[in-house]
Amino acid sequence: MYNVLIDIAIFEKKPDEVLRWYDAQKAGGLKSFGYASRSQEVATAVQAVYPERAIVIWKHLVEGNINLVNVKGYEAAVPYLKQIKSCMKRHGMGGQWQTYLQYLCDNNRRRPRCIQILKPL
């Protein structure tokens, strides 16, 4: 029932409750169908109040997609990277964006297609 509780908290615009139920779901090891999209919804819902938490969630999604080691995975990471960039700039963390992007490029330097997708960001 965590998904329902998360939906209610998002609808009521209660970021504390969103994180409470999201963390409880993760702690219980319960992953539902569409877990990645649930993470995206949670990050979007809490980004104004808890930008650091939203960024951590998006980073997890980015790195999970990049670790698939295929072009579709790299491309799937792009929307999350754009969310991270936007959130960091909005909250005065622009320098951290460049550091994170460089970290991704350094860790994936042997994946030319990945670098090609990351560089324009």
PDB file of N, CA and C in Angstrom:
ATOM      1  N   MET A   1       0.807  -1.201   0.000  1.00  0.00           N
ATOM      2  CA  MET A   1       0.000   0.000   0.000  1.00  0.00           C
ATOM      3  C   MET A   1       0.849   1.263   0.000  1.00  0.00           C
ATOM      4  N   TYR A   2       2.164   1.105  -0.027  1.00  0.00           N
ATOM      5  CA  TYR A   2       3.024   2.284  -0.012  1.00  0.00           C
ATOM      6  C   TYR A   2       2.774   3.187  -1.216  1.00  0.00           C
ATOM      7  N   ASN A   3       2.534   2.583  -2.367  1.00  0.00           N
ATOM      8  CA  ASN A   3       2.286   3.396  -3.555  1.00  0.00           C
ATOM      9  C   ASN A   3       1.070   4.291  -3.376  1.00  0.00           C
ATOM     10  N   VAL A   4       0.044   3.778  -2.744  1.00  0.00           N
ATOM     11  CA  VAL A   4      -1.172   4.569  -2.504  1.00  0.00           C
ATOM     12  C   VAL A   4      -0.858   5.700  -1.534  1.00  0.00           C
ATOM     13  N   LEU A   5      -0.115   5.395  -0.486  1.00  0.00           N
ATOM     14  CA  LEU A   5       0.242   6.424   0.487  1.00  0.00           C
ATOM     15  C   LEU A   5       1.126   7.502  -0.139  1.00  0.00           C
ATOM     16  N   ILE A   6       2.032   7.095  -1.000  1.00  0.00           N
ATOM     17  CA  ILE A   6       2.875   8.059  -1.713  1.00  0.00           C
ATOM     18  C   ILE A   6       2.009   8.929  -2.623  1.00  0.00           C
ATOM     19  N   ASP A   7       1.081   8.312  -3.341  1.00  0.00           N
ATOM     20  CA  ASP A   7       0.180   9.074  -4.218  1.00  0.00           C
ATOM     21  C   ASP A   7      -0.632  10.096  -3.438  1.00  0.00           C
ATOM     22  N   ILE A   8      -1.138   9.699  -2.291  1.00  0.00           N
ATOM     23  CA  ILE A   8      -1.923  10.620  -1.465  1.00  0.00           C
ATOM     24  C   ILE A   8      -1.057  11.787  -0.995  1.00  0.00           C
ATOM     25  N   ALA A   9       0.144  11.482  -0.541  1.00  0.00           N
ATOM     26  CA  ALA A   9       1.044  12.539  -0.065  1.00  0.00           C
ATOM     27  C   ALA A   9       1.425  13.483  -1.198  1.00  0.00           C
ATOM     28  N   ILE A  10       1.645  12.963  -2.397  1.00  0.00           N
ATOM     29  CA  ILE A  10       1.947  13.820  -3.547  1.00  0.00           C
ATOM     30  C   ILE A  10       0.745  14.696  -3.861  1.00  0.00           C
ATOM     31  N   PHE A  11      -0.433  14.102  -3.885  1.00  0.00           N
ATOM     32  CA  PHE A  11      -1.657  14.848  -4.178  1.00  0.00           C
ATOM     33  C   PHE A  11      -1.881  15.952  -3.157  1.00  0.00           C
ATOM     34  N   GLU A  12      -1.622  15.678  -1.884  1.00  0.00           N
ATOM     35  CA  GLU A  12      -1.822  16.659  -0.825  1.00  0.00           C
ATOM     36  C   GLU A  12      -0.646  17.626  -0.681  1.00  0.00           C
ATOM     37  N   LYS A  13       0.367  17.445  -1.538  1.00  0.00           N
ATOM     38  CA  LYS A  13       1.559  18.291  -1.538  1.00  0.00           C
ATOM     39  C   LYS A  13       2.230  18.334  -0.153  1.00  0.00           C
ATOM     40  N   LYS A  14       2.497  17.136   0.349  1.00  0.00           N
ATOM     41  CA  LYS A  14       3.166  16.977   1.637  1.00  0.00           C
ATOM     42  C   LYS A  14       4.486  16.246   1.418  1.00  0.00           C
ATOM     43  N   PRO A  15       5.560  16.995   1.090  1.00  0.00           N
ATOM     44  CA  PRO A  15       6.838  16.345   0.771  1.00  0.00           C
ATOM     45  C   PRO A  15       7.410  15.513   1.917  1.00  0.00           C
ATOM     46  N   ASP A  16       7.149  15.925   3.164  1.00  0.00           N
ATOM     47  CA  ASP A  16       7.636  15.127   4.291  1.00  0.00           C
ATOM     48  C   ASP A  16       7.026  13.732   4.267  1.00  0.00           C
ATOM     49  N   GLU A  17       5.731  13.674   4.005  1.00  0.00           N
ATOM     50  CA  GLU A  17       5.035  12.389   3.951  1.00  0.00           C
ATOM     51  C   GLU A  17       5.465  11.575   2.725  1.00  0.00           C
ATOM     52  N   VAL A  18       5.688  12.266   1.614  1.00  0.00           N
ATOM     53  CA  VAL A  18       6.157  11.568   0.410  1.00  0.00           C
ATOM     54  C   VAL A  18       7.450  10.825   0.725  1.00  0.00           C
ATOM     55  N   LEU A  19       8.389  11.528   1.338  1.00  0.00           N
ATOM     56  CA  LEU A  19       9.671  10.900   1.676  1.00  0.00           C
ATOM     57  C   LEU A  19       9.503   9.824   2.744  1.00  0.00           C
ATOM     58  N   ARG A  20       8.616  10.061   3.690  1.00  0.00           N
ATOM     59  CA  ARG A  20       8.386   9.069   4.746  1.00  0.00           C
ATOM     60  C   ARG A  20       7.953   7.735   4.140  1.00  0.00           C
ATOM     61  N   TRP A  21       6.981   7.758   3.252  1.00  0.00           N
ATOM     62  CA  TRP A  21       6.464   6.519   2.672  1.00  0.00           C
ATOM     63  C   TRP A  21       7.421   5.935   1.645  1.00  0.00           C
ATOM     64  N   TYR A  22       8.101   6.788   0.921  1.00  0.00           N
ATOM     65  CA  TYR A  22       9.091   6.318  -0.059  1.00  0.00           C
ATOM     66  C   TYR A  22      10.229   5.591   0.661  1.00  0.00           C
ATOM     67  N   ASP A  23      10.722   6.195   1.749  1.00  0.00           N
ATOM     68  CA  ASP A  23      11.793   5.565   2.521  1.00  0.00           C
ATOM     69  C   ASP A  23      11.330   4.263   3.160  1.00  0.00           C
ATOM     70  N   ALA A  24      10.095   4.245   3.635  1.00  0.00           N
ATOM     71  CA  ALA A  24       9.556   3.022   4.235  1.00  0.00           C
ATOM     72  C   ALA A  24       9.468   1.913   3.189  1.00  0.00           C
ATOM     73  N   GLN A  25       9.055   2.270   1.987  1.00  0.00           N
ATOM     74  CA  GLN A  25       8.965   1.286   0.905  1.00  0.00           C
ATOM     75  C   GLN A  25      10.341   0.718   0.584  1.00  0.00           C
ATOM     76  N   LYS A  26      11.321   1.598   0.494  1.00  0.00           N
ATOM     77  CA  LYS A  26      12.686   1.142   0.193  1.00  0.00           C
ATOM     78  C   LYS A  26      13.261   0.312   1.329  1.00  0.00           C
ATOM     79  N   ALA A  27      13.030   0.722   2.565  1.00  0.00           N
ATOM     80  CA  ALA A  27      13.569   0.008   3.727  1.00  0.00           C
ATOM     81  C   ALA A  27      12.977  -1.386   3.828  1.00  0.00           C
ATOM     82  N   GLY A  28      11.728  -1.530   3.406  1.00  0.00           N
ATOM     83  CA  GLY A  28      11.085  -2.831   3.438  1.00  0.00           C
ATOM     84  C   GLY A  28      11.496  -3.721   2.295  1.00  0.00           C
ATOM     85  N   GLY A  29      12.309  -3.181   1.399  1.00  0.00           N
ATOM     86  CA  GLY A  29      12.754  -3.960   0.248  1.00  0.00           C
ATOM     87  C   GLY A  29      11.649  -4.207  -0.750  1.00  0.00           C
ATOM     88  N   LEU A  30      10.608  -3.413  -0.666  1.00  0.00           N
ATOM     89  CA  LEU A  30       9.467  -3.598  -1.556  1.00  0.00           C
ATOM     90  C   LEU A  30       9.636  -2.741  -2.795  1.00  0.00           C
ATOM     91  N   LYS A  31       9.745  -3.394  -3.912  1.00  0.00           N
ATOM     92  CA  LYS A  31       9.834  -2.693  -5.183  1.00  0.00           C
ATOM     93  C   LYS A  31       8.631  -3.101  -6.006  1.00  0.00           C
ATOM     94  N   SER A  32       7.927  -2.108  -6.449  1.00  0.00           N
ATOM     95  CA  SER A  32       6.741  -2.413  -7.236  1.00  0.00           C
ATOM     96  C   SER A  32       7.038  -2.197  -8.706  1.00  0.00           C
ATOM     97  N   PHE A  33       6.130  -2.659  -9.531  1.00  0.00           N
ATOM     98  CA  PHE A  33       6.238  -2.407 -10.964  1.00  0.00           C
ATOM     99  C   PHE A  33       6.266  -0.900 -11.165  1.00  0.00           C
ATOM    100  N   GLY A  34       7.171  -0.426 -11.998  1.00  0.00           N
ATOM    101  CA  GLY A  34       7.258   1.008 -12.238  1.00  0.00           C
ATOM    102  C   GLY A  34       8.009   1.735 -11.136  1.00  0.00           C
ATOM    103  N   TYR A  35       8.887   1.029 -10.436  1.00  0.00           N
ATOM    104  CA  TYR A  35       9.617   1.621  -9.315  1.00  0.00           C
ATOM    105  C   TYR A  35      10.425   2.827  -9.746  1.00  0.00           C
ATOM    106  N   ALA A  36      11.059   2.755 -10.922  1.00  0.00           N
ATOM    107  CA  ALA A  36      11.851   3.887 -11.393  1.00  0.00           C
ATOM    108  C   ALA A  36      10.968   5.102 -11.615  1.00  0.00           C
ATOM    109  N   SER A  37       9.798   4.898 -12.209  1.00  0.00           N
ATOM    110  CA  SER A  37       8.916   6.035 -12.426  1.00  0.00           C
ATOM    111  C   SER A  37       8.411   6.569 -11.095  1.00  0.00           C
ATOM    112  N   ARG A  38       8.230   5.707 -10.114  1.00  0.00           N
ATOM    113  CA  ARG A  38       7.828   6.141  -8.768  1.00  0.00           C
ATOM    114  C   ARG A  38       8.922   7.014  -8.175  1.00  0.00           C
ATOM    115  N   SER A  39      10.156   6.629  -8.349  1.00  0.00           N
ATOM    116  CA  SER A  39      11.279   7.424  -7.858  1.00  0.00           C
ATOM    117  C   SER A  39      11.289   8.793  -8.521  1.00  0.00           C
ATOM    118  N   GLN A  40      11.033   8.819  -9.813  1.00  0.00           N
ATOM    119  CA  GLN A  40      10.978  10.092 -10.537  1.00  0.00           C
ATOM    120  C   GLN A  40       9.865  10.978  -9.974  1.00  0.00           C
ATOM    121  N   GLU A  41       8.704  10.400  -9.726  1.00  0.00           N
ATOM    122  CA  GLU A  41       7.587  11.164  -9.160  1.00  0.00           C
ATOM    123  C   GLU A  41       7.941  11.714  -7.789  1.00  0.00           C
ATOM    124  N   VAL A  42       8.574  10.906  -6.973  1.00  0.00           N
ATOM    125  CA  VAL A  42       8.961  11.329  -5.631  1.00  0.00           C
ATOM    126  C   VAL A  42       9.969  12.476  -5.714  1.00  0.00           C
ATOM    127  N   ALA A  43      10.980  12.321  -6.545  1.00  0.00           N
ATOM    128  CA  ALA A  43      11.993  13.378  -6.686  1.00  0.00           C
ATOM    129  C   ALA A  43      11.360  14.683  -7.155  1.00  0.00           C
ATOM    130  N   THR A  44      10.461  14.605  -8.098  1.00  0.00           N
ATOM    131  CA  THR A  44       9.786  15.802  -8.594  1.00  0.00           C
ATOM    132  C   THR A  44       8.939  16.436  -7.502  1.00  0.00           C
ATOM    133  N   ALA A  45       8.284  15.613  -6.697  1.00  0.00           N
ATOM    134  CA  ALA A  45       7.403  16.125  -5.647  1.00  0.00           C
ATOM    135  C   ALA A  45       8.167  16.811  -4.512  1.00  0.00           C
ATOM    136  N   VAL A  46       9.390  16.382  -4.251  1.00  0.00           N
ATOM    137  CA  VAL A  46      10.127  16.926  -3.101  1.00  0.00           C
ATOM    138  C   VAL A  46      11.229  17.912  -3.478  1.00  0.00           C
ATOM    139  N   GLN A  47      11.454  18.160  -4.757  1.00  0.00           N
ATOM    140  CA  GLN A  47      12.605  18.952  -5.171  1.00  0.00           C
ATOM    141  C   GLN A  47      12.608  20.384  -4.641  1.00  0.00           C
ATOM    142  N   ALA A  48      11.449  20.985  -4.447  1.00  0.00           N
ATOM    143  CA  ALA A  48      11.403  22.368  -3.971  1.00  0.00           C
ATOM    144  C   ALA A  48      11.831  22.473  -2.507  1.00  0.00           C
ATOM    145  N   VAL A  49      11.458  21.492  -1.696  1.00  0.00           N
ATOM    146  CA  VAL A  49      11.738  21.537  -0.263  1.00  0.00           C
ATOM    147  C   VAL A  49      13.015  20.770   0.096  1.00  0.00           C
ATOM    148  N   TYR A  50      13.238  19.654  -0.596  1.00  0.00           N
ATOM    149  CA  TYR A  50      14.392  18.800  -0.329  1.00  0.00           C
ATOM    150  C   TYR A  50      15.182  18.564  -1.612  1.00  0.00           C
ATOM    151  N   PRO A  51      15.845  19.599  -2.125  1.00  0.00           N
ATOM    152  CA  PRO A  51      16.556  19.418  -3.401  1.00  0.00           C
ATOM    153  C   PRO A  51      17.659  18.364  -3.330  1.00  0.00           C
ATOM    154  N   GLU A  52      18.322  18.253  -2.178  1.00  0.00           N
ATOM    155  CA  GLU A  52      19.394  17.264  -2.062  1.00  0.00           C
ATOM    156  C   GLU A  52      18.859  15.848  -2.202  1.00  0.00           C
ATOM    157  N   ARG A  53      17.718  15.573  -1.577  1.00  0.00           N
ATOM    158  CA  ARG A  53      17.112  14.242  -1.687  1.00  0.00           C
ATOM    159  C   ARG A  53      16.676  13.946  -3.115  1.00  0.00           C
ATOM    160  N   ALA A  54      16.080  14.955  -3.762  1.00  0.00           N
ATOM    161  CA  ALA A  54      15.650  14.774  -5.153  1.00  0.00           C
ATOM    162  C   ALA A  54      16.859  14.458  -6.033  1.00  0.00           C
ATOM    163  N   ILE A  55      17.937  15.166  -5.823  1.00  0.00           N
ATOM    164  CA  ILE A  55      19.146  14.962  -6.624  1.00  0.00           C
ATOM    165  C   ILE A  55      19.713  13.561  -6.397  1.00  0.00           C
ATOM    166  N   VAL A  56      19.706  13.098  -5.158  1.00  0.00           N
ATOM    167  CA  VAL A  56      20.200  11.746  -4.862  1.00  0.00           C
ATOM    168  C   VAL A  56      19.355  10.705  -5.599  1.00  0.00           C
ATOM    169  N   ILE A  57      18.042  10.887  -5.589  1.00  0.00           N
ATOM    170  CA  ILE A  57      17.148   9.947  -6.276  1.00  0.00           C
ATOM    171  C   ILE A  57      17.430   9.956  -7.774  1.00  0.00           C
ATOM    172  N   TRP A  58      17.536  11.155  -8.354  1.00  0.00           N
ATOM    173  CA  TRP A  58      17.810  11.240  -9.788  1.00  0.00           C
ATOM    174  C   TRP A  58      19.169  10.646 -10.137  1.00  0.00           C
ATOM    175  N   LYS A  59      20.175  10.889  -9.301  1.00  0.00           N
ATOM    176  CA  LYS A  59      21.495  10.316  -9.560  1.00  0.00           C
ATOM    177  C   LYS A  59      21.430   8.789  -9.575  1.00  0.00           C
ATOM    178  N   HIS A  60      20.671   8.227  -8.665  1.00  0.00           N
ATOM    179  CA  HIS A  60      20.508   6.777  -8.628  1.00  0.00           C
ATOM    180  C   HIS A  60      19.893   6.280  -9.943  1.00  0.00           C
ATOM    181  N   LEU A  61      18.906   7.006 -10.443  1.00  0.00           N
ATOM    182  CA  LEU A  61      18.275   6.627 -11.705  1.00  0.00           C
ATOM    183  C   LEU A  61      19.246   6.783 -12.880  1.00  0.00           C
ATOM    184  N   VAL A  62      20.013   7.864 -12.880  1.00  0.00           N
ATOM    185  CA  VAL A  62      21.002   8.101 -13.945  1.00  0.00           C
ATOM    186  C   VAL A  62      22.017   6.964 -13.972  1.00  0.00           C
ATOM    187  N   GLU A  63      22.605   6.695 -12.837  1.00  0.00           N
ATOM    188  CA  GLU A  63      23.670   5.707 -12.784  1.00  0.00           C
ATOM    189  C   GLU A  63      23.144   4.298 -13.069  1.00  0.00           C
ATOM    190  N   GLY A  64      21.933   4.020 -12.655  1.00  0.00           N
ATOM    191  CA  GLY A  64      21.328   2.732 -12.978  1.00  0.00           C
ATOM    192  C   GLY A  64      21.145   2.549 -14.474  1.00  0.00           C
ATOM    193  N   ASN A  65      20.703   3.603 -15.153  1.00  0.00           N
ATOM    194  CA  ASN A  65      20.523   3.523 -16.604  1.00  0.00           C
ATOM    195  C   ASN A  65      21.859   3.452 -17.334  1.00  0.00           C
ATOM    196  N   ILE A  66      22.824   4.241 -16.910  1.00  0.00           N
ATOM    197  CA  ILE A  66      24.139   4.211 -17.565  1.00  0.00           C
ATOM    198  C   ILE A  66      24.792   2.842 -17.385  1.00  0.00           C
ATOM    199  N   ASN A  67      24.587   2.229 -16.228  1.00  0.00           N
ATOM    200  CA  ASN A  67      25.191   0.920 -15.965  1.00  0.00           C
ATOM    201  C   ASN A  67      24.574  -0.207 -16.781  1.00  0.00           C
ATOM    202  N   LEU A  68      23.520   0.073 -17.520  1.00  0.00           N
ATOM    203  CA  LEU A  68      22.978  -0.927 -18.437  1.00  0.00           C
ATOM    204  C   LEU A  68      23.918  -1.150 -19.618  1.00  0.00           C
ATOM    205  N   VAL A  69      24.826  -0.195 -19.831  1.00  0.00           N
ATOM    206  CA  VAL A  69      25.861  -0.253 -20.848  1.00  0.00           C
ATOM    207  C   VAL A  69      25.274  -0.501 -22.234  1.00  0.00           C
ATOM    208  N   ASN A  70      24.299   0.319 -22.584  1.00  0.00           N
ATOM    209  CA  ASN A  70      23.792   0.316 -23.951  1.00  0.00           C
ATOM    210  C   ASN A  70      23.232   1.699 -24.260  1.00  0.00           C
ATOM    211  N   VAL A  71      23.078   1.984 -25.517  1.00  0.00           N
ATOM    212  CA  VAL A  71      22.672   3.321 -25.952  1.00  0.00           C
ATOM    213  C   VAL A  71      21.311   3.703 -25.378  1.00  0.00           C
ATOM    214  N   LYS A  72      20.391   2.762 -25.323  1.00  0.00           N
ATOM    215  CA  LYS A  72      19.069   3.064 -24.765  1.00  0.00           C
ATOM    216  C   LYS A  72      19.176   3.483 -23.301  1.00  0.00           C
ATOM    217  N   GLY A  73      20.056   2.832 -22.565  1.00  0.00           N
ATOM    218  CA  GLY A  73      20.273   3.199 -21.163  1.00  0.00           C
ATOM    219  C   GLY A  73      20.854   4.592 -21.033  1.00  0.00           C
ATOM    220  N   TYR A  74      21.823   4.906 -21.893  1.00  0.00           N
ATOM    221  CA  TYR A  74      22.426   6.244 -21.856  1.00  0.00           C
ATOM    222  C   TYR A  74      21.379   7.304 -22.165  1.00  0.00           C
ATOM    223  N   GLU A  75      20.566   7.026 -23.166  1.00  0.00           N
ATOM    224  CA  GLU A  75      19.531   7.994 -23.560  1.00  0.00           C
ATOM    225  C   GLU A  75      18.451   8.106 -22.485  1.00  0.00           C
ATOM    226  N   ALA A  76      18.155   7.020 -21.793  1.00  0.00           N
ATOM    227  CA  ALA A  76      17.154   7.053 -20.726  1.00  0.00           C
ATOM    228  C   ALA A  76      17.635   7.887 -19.537  1.00  0.00           C
ATOM    229  N   ALA A  77      18.939   8.016 -19.381  1.00  0.00           N
ATOM    230  CA  ALA A  77      19.500   8.806 -18.283  1.00  0.00           C
ATOM    231  C   ALA A  77      19.385  10.315 -18.527  1.00  0.00           C
ATOM    232  N   VAL A  78      19.263  10.724 -19.772  1.00  0.00           N
ATOM    233  CA  VAL A  78      19.272  12.151 -20.120  1.00  0.00           C
ATOM    234  C   VAL A  78      18.176  12.961 -19.424  1.00  0.00           C
ATOM    235  N   PRO A  79      16.920  12.526 -19.397  1.00  0.00           N
ATOM    236  CA  PRO A  79      15.900  13.337 -18.711  1.00  0.00           C
ATOM    237  C   PRO A  79      16.207  13.546 -17.225  1.00  0.00           C
ATOM    238  N   TYR A  80      16.754  12.527 -16.580  1.00  0.00           N
ATOM    239  CA  TYR A  80      17.113  12.662 -15.172  1.00  0.00           C
ATOM    240  C   TYR A  80      18.283  13.628 -14.998  1.00  0.00           C
ATOM    241  N   LEU A  81      19.228  13.562 -15.921  1.00  0.00           N
ATOM    242  CA  LEU A  81      20.353  14.503 -15.875  1.00  0.00           C
ATOM    243  C   LEU A  81      19.872  15.939 -16.048  1.00  0.00           C
ATOM    244  N   LYS A  82      18.916  16.141 -16.921  1.00  0.00           N
ATOM    245  CA  LYS A  82      18.364  17.487 -17.099  1.00  0.00           C
ATOM    246  C   LYS A  82      17.656  17.968 -15.844  1.00  0.00           C
ATOM    247  N   GLN A  83      16.982  17.057 -15.154  1.00  0.00           N
ATOM    248  CA  GLN A  83      16.326  17.417 -13.894  1.00  0.00           C
ATOM    249  C   GLN A  83      17.369  17.804 -12.844  1.00  0.00           C
ATOM    250  N   ILE A  84      18.450  17.026 -12.767  1.00  0.00           N
ATOM    251  CA  ILE A  84      19.527  17.327 -11.813  1.00  0.00           C
ATOM    252  C   ILE A  84      20.113  18.698 -12.112  1.00  0.00           C
ATOM    253  N   LYS A  85      20.427  18.935 -13.372  1.00  0.00           N
ATOM    254  CA  LYS A  85      21.027  20.209 -13.773  1.00  0.00           C
ATOM    255  C   LYS A  85      20.107  21.375 -13.408  1.00  0.00           C
ATOM    256  N   SER A  86      18.851  21.258 -13.735  1.00  0.00           N
ATOM    257  CA  SER A  86      17.883  22.311 -13.454  1.00  0.00           C
ATOM    258  C   SER A  86      17.758  22.564 -11.950  1.00  0.00           C
ATOM    259  N   CYS A  87      17.636  21.516 -11.184  1.00  0.00           N
ATOM    260  CA  CYS A  87      17.486  21.636  -9.734  1.00  0.00           C
ATOM    261  C   CYS A  87      18.737  22.245  -9.102  1.00  0.00           C
ATOM    262  N   MET A  88      19.901  21.790  -9.528  1.00  0.00           N
ATOM    263  CA  MET A  88      21.144  22.320  -8.970  1.00  0.00           C
ATOM    264  C   MET A  88      21.301  23.803  -9.279  1.00  0.00           C
ATOM    265  N   LYS A  89      21.017  24.196 -10.502  1.00  0.00           N
ATOM    266  CA  LYS A  89      21.146  25.607 -10.869  1.00  0.00           C
ATOM    267  C   LYS A  89      20.131  26.463 -10.123  1.00  0.00           C
ATOM    268  N   ARG A  90      18.924  25.951  -9.964  1.00  0.00           N
ATOM    269  CA  ARG A  90      17.865  26.688  -9.272  1.00  0.00           C
ATOM    270  C   ARG A  90      18.212  26.903  -7.792  1.00  0.00           C
ATOM    271  N   HIS A  91      18.952  25.972  -7.214  1.00  0.00           N
ATOM    272  CA  HIS A  91      19.292  26.054  -5.797  1.00  0.00           C
ATOM    273  C   HIS A  91      20.741  26.475  -5.562  1.00  0.00           C
ATOM    274  N   GLY A  92      21.349  27.076  -6.568  1.00  0.00           N
ATOM    275  CA  GLY A  92      22.698  27.625  -6.422  1.00  0.00           C
ATOM    276  C   GLY A  92      23.801  26.595  -6.299  1.00  0.00           C
ATOM    277  N   MET A  93      23.615  25.453  -6.930  1.00  0.00           N
ATOM    278  CA  MET A  93      24.626  24.396  -6.883  1.00  0.00           C
ATOM    279  C   MET A  93      25.206  24.134  -8.274  1.00  0.00           C
ATOM    280  N   GLY A  94      25.324  25.181  -9.084  1.00  0.00           N
ATOM    281  CA  GLY A  94      25.791  25.027 -10.458  1.00  0.00           C
ATOM    282  C   GLY A  94      27.167  24.389 -10.569  1.00  0.00           C
ATOM    283  N   GLY A  95      28.055  24.698  -9.630  1.00  0.00           N
ATOM    284  CA  GLY A  95      29.392  24.106  -9.635  1.00  0.00           C
ATOM    285  C   GLY A  95      29.347  22.606  -9.405  1.00  0.00           C
ATOM    286  N   GLN A  96      28.406  22.167  -8.601  1.00  0.00           N
ATOM    287  CA  GLN A  96      28.266  20.734  -8.341  1.00  0.00           C
ATOM    288  C   GLN A  96      27.795  20.001  -9.599  1.00  0.00           C
ATOM    289  N   TRP A  97      27.034  20.703 -10.439  1.00  0.00           N
ATOM    290  CA  TRP A  97      26.578  20.083 -11.685  1.00  0.00           C
ATOM    291  C   TRP A  97      27.764  19.723 -12.556  1.00  0.00           C
ATOM    292  N   GLN A  98      28.680  20.666 -12.745  1.00  0.00           N
ATOM    293  CA  GLN A  98      29.855  20.418 -13.578  1.00  0.00           C
ATOM    294  C   GLN A  98      30.710  19.288 -12.995  1.00  0.00           C
ATOM    295  N   THR A  99      30.825  19.266 -11.679  1.00  0.00           N
ATOM    296  CA  THR A  99      31.592  18.215 -11.009  1.00  0.00           C
ATOM    297  C   THR A  99      30.955  16.843 -11.251  1.00  0.00           C
ATOM    298  N   TYR A 100      29.636  16.774 -11.144  1.00  0.00           N
ATOM    299  CA  TYR A 100      28.944  15.503 -11.348  1.00  0.00           C
ATOM    300  C   TYR A 100      29.049  15.039 -12.800  1.00  0.00           C
ATOM    301  N   LEU A 101      28.869  15.970 -13.725  1.00  0.00           N
ATOM    302  CA  LEU A 101      28.981  15.613 -15.138  1.00  0.00           C
ATOM    303  C   LEU A 101      30.384  15.119 -15.459  1.00  0.00           C
ATOM    304  N   GLN A 102      31.390  15.765 -14.889  1.00  0.00           N
ATOM    305  CA  GLN A 102      32.771  15.328 -15.107  1.00  0.00           C
ATOM    306  C   GLN A 102      33.003  13.947 -14.495  1.00  0.00           C
ATOM    307  N   TYR A 103      32.420  13.701 -13.335  1.00  0.00           N
ATOM    308  CA  TYR A 103      32.508  12.392 -12.683  1.00  0.00           C
ATOM    309  C   TYR A 103      31.935  11.299 -13.600  1.00  0.00           C
ATOM    310  N   LEU A 104      30.772  11.562 -14.180  1.00  0.00           N
ATOM    311  CA  LEU A 104      30.157  10.584 -15.084  1.00  0.00           C
ATOM    312  C   LEU A 104      31.036  10.347 -16.314  1.00  0.00           C
ATOM    313  N   CYS A 105      31.564  11.425 -16.867  1.00  0.00           N
ATOM    314  CA  CYS A 105      32.429  11.286 -18.049  1.00  0.00           C
ATOM    315  C   CYS A 105      33.695  10.494 -17.710  1.00  0.00           C
ATOM    316  N   ASP A 106      34.287  10.783 -16.565  1.00  0.00           N
ATOM    317  CA  ASP A 106      35.501  10.074 -16.155  1.00  0.00           C
ATOM    318  C   ASP A 106      35.237   8.587 -15.930  1.00  0.00           C
ATOM    319  N   ASN A 107      34.131   8.281 -15.292  1.00  0.00           N
ATOM    320  CA  ASN A 107      33.811   6.878 -15.000  1.00  0.00           C
ATOM    321  C   ASN A 107      33.376   6.088 -16.225  1.00  0.00           C
ATOM    322  N   ASN A 108      33.004   6.785 -17.274  1.00  0.00           N
ATOM    323  CA  ASN A 108      32.519   6.107 -18.482  1.00  0.00           C
ATOM    324  C   ASN A 108      33.377   6.428 -19.698  1.00  0.00           C
ATOM    325  N   ARG A 109      34.612   6.783 -19.463  1.00  0.00           N
ATOM    326  CA  ARG A 109      35.499   7.203 -20.553  1.00  0.00           C
ATOM    327  C   ARG A 109      35.724   6.109 -21.598  1.00  0.00           C
ATOM    328  N   ARG A 110      35.526   4.857 -21.245  1.00  0.00           N
ATOM    329  CA  ARG A 110      35.698   3.746 -22.198  1.00  0.00           C
ATOM    330  C   ARG A 110      34.422   3.436 -22.964  1.00  0.00           C
ATOM    331  N   ARG A 111      33.430   4.269 -22.775  1.00  0.00           N
ATOM    332  CA  ARG A 111      32.149   4.103 -23.470  1.00  0.00           C
ATOM    333  C   ARG A 111      31.918   5.337 -24.342  1.00  0.00           C
ATOM    334  N   PRO A 112      32.468   5.339 -25.550  1.00  0.00           N
ATOM    335  CA  PRO A 112      32.413   6.548 -26.383  1.00  0.00           C
ATOM    336  C   PRO A 112      30.995   7.044 -26.664  1.00  0.00           C
ATOM    337  N   ARG A 113      30.063   6.146 -26.839  1.00  0.00           N
ATOM    338  CA  ARG A 113      28.684   6.576 -27.118  1.00  0.00           C
ATOM    339  C   ARG A 113      28.077   7.268 -25.892  1.00  0.00           C
ATOM    340  N   CYS A 114      28.418   6.787 -24.717  1.00  0.00           N
ATOM    341  CA  CYS A 114      27.947   7.414 -23.480  1.00  0.00           C
ATOM    342  C   CYS A 114      28.500   8.837 -23.369  1.00  0.00           C
ATOM    343  N   ILE A 115      29.782   8.981 -23.619  1.00  0.00           N
ATOM    344  CA  ILE A 115      30.414  10.304 -23.560  1.00  0.00           C
ATOM    345  C   ILE A 115      29.773  11.235 -24.587  1.00  0.00           C
ATOM    346  N   GLN A 116      29.516  10.711 -25.766  1.00  0.00           N
ATOM    347  CA  GLN A 116      28.892  11.508 -26.829  1.00  0.00           C
ATOM    348  C   GLN A 116      27.519  12.032 -26.383  1.00  0.00           C
ATOM    349  N   ILE A 117      26.782  11.255 -25.633  1.00  0.00           N
ATOM    350  CA  ILE A 117      25.463  11.672 -25.147  1.00  0.00           C
ATOM    351  C   ILE A 117      25.593  12.626 -23.958  1.00  0.00           C
ATOM    352  N   LEU A 118      26.601  12.414 -23.107  1.00  0.00           N
ATOM    353  CA  LEU A 118      26.757  13.252 -21.921  1.00  0.00           C
ATOM    354  C   LEU A 118      27.323  14.634 -22.223  1.00  0.00           C
ATOM    355  N   LYS A 119      28.244  14.746 -23.141  1.00  0.00           N
ATOM    356  CA  LYS A 119      28.950  16.003 -23.399  1.00  0.00           C
ATOM    357  C   LYS A 119      28.047  17.208 -23.666  1.00  0.00           C
ATOM    358  N   PRO A 120      27.002  17.089 -24.478  1.00  0.00           N
ATOM    359  CA  PRO A 120      26.177  18.278 -24.758  1.00  0.00           C
ATOM    360  C   PRO A 120      25.405  18.813 -23.543  1.00  0.00           C
ATOM    361  N   LEU A 121      25.309  18.026 -22.496  1.00  0.00           N
ATOM    362  CA  LEU A 121      24.550  18.466 -21.329  1.00  0.00           C
ATOM    363  C   LEU A 121      25.320  19.524 -20.598  1.00  0.00           C
TER     364      LEU A 121
END
